[in-house]
Amino acid sequence: MDTTPPRWKRRKEARPAEIIESALTLFVDKGYAATRLDDVAKLAGVTKGTVYLYFDNKEELFKAVVRETVLPNLEFAETVVAEHQGSSEALLWHLLERWAERMTESPTTGIAKLMIAEAGNFPELARFYMDEVVLRSRKLFSAVIERGIQSGEFRPVDVALATRATTAPLMMTKVWSQSFALCDPEIIDLRTFARFHFELMMAGLRA
């Protein structure tokens, strides 16, 4: 006999995490505009009133989803960069490899597609995502490229442009796979593409 208590009887401390998990699923599957708090509550196994106990509105819930599911990976990467003792080339590959793995395995990467699609309709959320995720990600990769230039591993380049060139192809490939996978006859493995892209980058960056 299943003795697992129903979700509404679980500890109150677990409820915010369950609501965030349910919201992530719905935001990725349906988009921001189409996701209703009623649906989030139903999927989380709580009442709509319970959702409002922890989150003032859908916008605050979305921000919580980003902060609890996306930012921890970014913070970990920032720690890796700060503590890395090896070459900048190895560090850059480590970041790209982990990013490709996360894009392949984690549902959180659907948030990026959501923001690309809906940023124009929700500018406040777009600014939030830009500040919390995009700019921090750029700063992370820029630091690695700048580090390589300073050490003499990489040739002098425009760091801002090199950062865009490093990150944009992987993001576009992921968004493409989420949009056209059903009709694209040439599906590309993201990890394989990440390695190919990295080798192209190194051909242009090495001093």
Protein backbone atom coordinates (compact mmCIF):
# COMPACT_ATOMS: atom_id res chain seq x y z
CA MET A 1 0.00 0.00 0.00
CA ASP A 2 1.30 3.47 -0.89
CA THR A 3 1.86 5.38 2.34
CA THR A 4 3.22 8.54 0.68
CA PRO A 5 1.22 11.49 2.04
CA PRO A 6 -0.63 13.62 -0.51
CA ARG A 7 1.23 16.75 -1.52
CA TRP A 8 -1.13 19.03 0.39
CA LYS A 9 -0.18 17.27 3.64
CA ARG A 10 3.56 17.64 3.21
CA ARG A 11 5.68 20.01 5.25
CA LYS A 12 5.04 23.66 4.56
CA GLU A 13 8.76 24.16 3.92
CA ALA A 14 8.50 21.93 0.83
CA ARG A 15 5.65 23.84 -0.77
CA PRO A 16 7.60 26.74 -2.34
CA ALA A 17 9.96 24.29 -4.04
CA GLU A 18 7.04 22.22 -5.34
CA ILE A 19 5.31 25.35 -6.65
CA ILE A 20 8.52 26.50 -8.37
CA GLU A 21 9.03 23.08 -9.92
CA SER A 22 5.48 23.07 -11.26
CA ALA A 23 5.79 26.63 -12.52
CA LEU A 24 9.00 25.77 -14.37
CA THR A 25 7.28 22.88 -16.11
CA LEU A 26 4.35 25.03 -17.21
CA PHE A 27 6.41 28.07 -18.21
CA VAL A 28 8.60 25.90 -20.44
CA ASP A 29 5.70 23.92 -21.92
CA LYS A 30 3.14 26.72 -22.36
CA GLY A 31 5.08 29.99 -22.21
CA TYR A 32 4.73 32.82 -19.73
CA ALA A 33 1.53 34.42 -21.03
CA ALA A 34 -0.40 31.15 -21.27
CA THR A 35 0.59 29.89 -17.83
CA ARG A 36 -2.08 30.50 -15.19
CA LEU A 37 -1.53 30.37 -11.45
CA ASP A 38 -4.53 28.06 -11.22
CA ASP A 39 -2.68 25.55 -13.39
CA VAL A 40 0.50 25.94 -11.33
CA ALA A 41 -1.43 25.30 -8.13
CA LYS A 42 -3.15 22.24 -9.60
CA LEU A 43 0.12 20.73 -10.82
CA ALA A 44 1.78 21.44 -7.47
CA GLY A 45 -1.10 19.85 -5.59
CA VAL A 46 -2.00 22.99 -3.64
CA THR A 47 -4.70 25.64 -3.76
CA LYS A 48 -4.29 28.90 -5.64
CA GLY A 49 -4.41 30.65 -2.28
CA THR A 50 -1.37 28.67 -1.17
CA VAL A 51 0.56 29.95 -4.19
CA TYR A 52 -0.25 33.51 -3.12
CA LEU A 53 1.09 32.78 0.36
CA TYR A 54 4.57 32.53 -1.13
CA PHE A 55 4.42 34.60 -4.33
CA ASP A 56 2.61 37.90 -4.81
CA ASN A 57 1.87 37.32 -8.49
CA LYS A 58 2.95 35.39 -11.59
CA GLU A 59 5.83 37.78 -12.25
CA GLU A 60 7.32 37.15 -8.82
CA LEU A 61 6.84 33.42 -9.29
CA PHE A 62 8.71 33.56 -12.60
CA LYS A 63 11.57 35.46 -10.96
CA ALA A 64 11.71 32.81 -8.24
CA VAL A 65 11.88 30.10 -10.89
CA VAL A 66 14.88 31.81 -12.50
CA ARG A 67 16.62 32.44 -9.18
CA GLU A 68 16.10 28.91 -7.89
CA THR A 69 16.71 26.88 -11.04
CA VAL A 70 18.93 28.95 -13.37
CA LEU A 71 21.14 31.07 -11.13
CA PRO A 72 22.65 28.20 -9.08
CA ASN A 73 24.33 26.88 -12.23
CA LEU A 74 25.60 30.34 -13.07
CA GLU A 75 26.92 30.85 -9.55
CA PHE A 76 28.72 27.51 -9.72
CA ALA A 77 30.33 28.50 -13.02
CA GLU A 78 31.46 31.80 -11.51
CA THR A 79 33.14 29.88 -8.70
CA VAL A 80 34.86 27.58 -11.20
CA VAL A 81 36.25 30.55 -13.11
CA ALA A 82 37.42 32.30 -9.96
CA GLU A 83 39.25 29.21 -8.67
CA HIS A 84 40.65 27.84 -11.95
CA GLN A 85 44.44 27.41 -11.99
CA GLY A 86 44.98 25.94 -15.45
CA SER A 87 44.93 27.35 -18.96
CA SER A 88 42.24 29.69 -20.25
CA GLU A 89 41.68 27.35 -23.18
CA ALA A 90 40.86 24.46 -20.84
CA LEU A 91 38.62 26.71 -18.77
CA LEU A 92 36.70 27.93 -21.81
CA TRP A 93 36.10 24.36 -22.96
CA HIS A 94 34.98 23.35 -19.47
CA LEU A 95 32.36 26.11 -19.46
CA LEU A 96 31.11 25.31 -22.95
CA GLU A 97 30.98 21.58 -22.24
CA ARG A 98 29.00 22.04 -19.02
CA TRP A 99 26.70 24.51 -20.75
CA ALA A 100 26.01 22.05 -23.58
CA GLU A 101 25.32 19.27 -21.07
CA ARG A 102 22.91 21.44 -19.13
CA MET A 103 21.16 22.56 -22.32
CA THR A 104 20.71 18.91 -23.25
CA GLU A 105 19.58 17.59 -19.88
CA SER A 106 17.94 20.41 -17.92
CA PRO A 107 14.44 21.80 -18.56
CA THR A 108 15.65 25.19 -17.30
CA THR A 109 17.11 25.95 -20.74
CA GLY A 110 13.55 26.32 -21.97
CA ILE A 111 13.44 29.60 -20.04
CA ALA A 112 15.83 31.17 -22.55
CA LYS A 113 13.53 30.29 -25.45
CA LEU A 114 10.58 31.66 -23.47
CA MET A 115 12.33 34.98 -22.93
CA ILE A 116 13.33 35.29 -26.58
CA ALA A 117 9.72 34.70 -27.60
CA GLU A 118 8.00 36.88 -25.00
CA ALA A 119 10.48 39.61 -24.05
CA GLY A 120 8.72 42.18 -26.22
CA ASN A 121 5.42 41.64 -24.43
CA PHE A 122 6.91 41.58 -20.93
CA PRO A 123 9.72 44.17 -20.85
CA GLU A 124 10.04 44.12 -17.07
CA LEU A 125 10.71 40.40 -17.10
CA ALA A 126 13.10 40.88 -19.99
CA ARG A 127 15.10 43.43 -18.00
CA PHE A 128 15.12 41.13 -15.00
CA TYR A 129 16.39 38.20 -17.09
CA MET A 130 18.96 40.40 -18.81
CA ASP A 131 20.38 41.61 -15.49
CA GLU A 132 20.21 38.33 -13.59
CA VAL A 133 21.25 35.88 -16.30
CA VAL A 134 22.40 37.30 -19.63
CA LEU A 135 24.77 40.01 -18.42
CA ARG A 136 26.27 37.76 -15.76
CA SER A 137 26.81 35.03 -18.35
CA ARG A 138 28.52 37.47 -20.70
CA LYS A 139 30.71 38.72 -17.88
CA LEU A 140 31.71 35.14 -17.11
CA PHE A 141 32.85 34.32 -20.63
CA SER A 142 34.41 37.74 -21.08
CA ALA A 143 36.54 37.16 -17.99
CA VAL A 144 37.89 33.91 -19.44
CA ILE A 145 38.71 35.47 -22.80
CA GLU A 146 40.32 38.50 -21.14
CA ARG A 147 42.30 36.15 -18.91
CA GLY A 148 43.61 34.31 -21.97
CA ILE A 149 44.62 37.57 -23.65
CA GLN A 150 46.46 38.79 -20.56
CA SER A 151 48.33 35.50 -20.19
CA GLY A 152 49.37 35.51 -23.86
CA GLU A 153 47.37 32.36 -24.73
CA PHE A 154 44.89 34.29 -26.87
CA ARG A 155 45.61 37.00 -29.37
CA PRO A 156 44.22 40.49 -28.68
CA VAL A 157 40.59 40.62 -29.82
CA ASP A 158 37.46 42.64 -29.12
CA VAL A 159 36.37 40.83 -25.94
CA ALA A 160 32.72 41.85 -26.22
CA LEU A 161 32.44 40.53 -29.77
CA ALA A 162 34.39 37.37 -28.93
CA THR A 163 32.02 36.73 -26.04
CA ARG A 164 28.98 36.99 -28.31
CA ALA A 165 30.66 34.73 -30.87
CA THR A 166 31.36 32.16 -28.15
CA THR A 167 27.87 31.94 -26.65
CA ALA A 168 25.43 32.76 -29.46
CA PRO A 169 25.87 29.64 -31.66
CA LEU A 170 25.14 27.21 -28.82
CA MET A 171 22.09 29.17 -27.71
CA MET A 172 20.76 29.42 -31.25
CA THR A 173 21.30 25.70 -31.84
CA LYS A 174 19.36 24.89 -28.68
CA VAL A 175 16.49 27.24 -29.53
CA TRP A 176 16.42 25.83 -33.06
CA SER A 177 16.13 22.29 -31.71
CA GLN A 178 13.22 23.38 -29.49
CA SER A 179 11.47 25.04 -32.42
CA PHE A 180 12.17 23.03 -35.57
CA ALA A 181 13.23 19.62 -34.28
CA LEU A 182 10.11 17.93 -35.65
CA CYS A 183 10.76 19.03 -39.24
CA ASP A 184 14.54 19.43 -39.41
CA PRO A 185 16.08 16.40 -41.15
CA GLU A 186 19.51 17.13 -39.68
CA ILE A 187 19.32 17.16 -35.90
CA ILE A 188 22.67 18.03 -34.34
CA ASP A 189 23.90 16.68 -31.02
CA LEU A 190 24.57 19.74 -28.91
CA ARG A 191 27.66 18.30 -27.21
CA THR A 192 29.19 17.44 -30.58
CA PHE A 193 28.39 20.89 -31.88
CA ALA A 194 29.89 22.49 -28.75
CA ARG A 195 33.20 20.72 -29.36
CA PHE A 196 33.26 21.68 -33.04
CA HIS A 197 32.42 25.28 -32.19
CA PHE A 198 35.12 25.37 -29.51
CA GLU A 199 37.77 24.15 -31.95
CA LEU A 200 36.76 26.87 -34.42
CA MET A 201 36.96 29.46 -31.65
CA MET A 202 40.42 28.28 -30.65
CA ALA A 203 41.63 28.50 -34.24
CA GLY A 204 40.74 32.16 -34.15
CA LEU A 205 41.76 32.97 -30.57
CA ARG A 206 45.09 31.24 -30.07
CA ALA A 207 48.03 33.61 -30.10
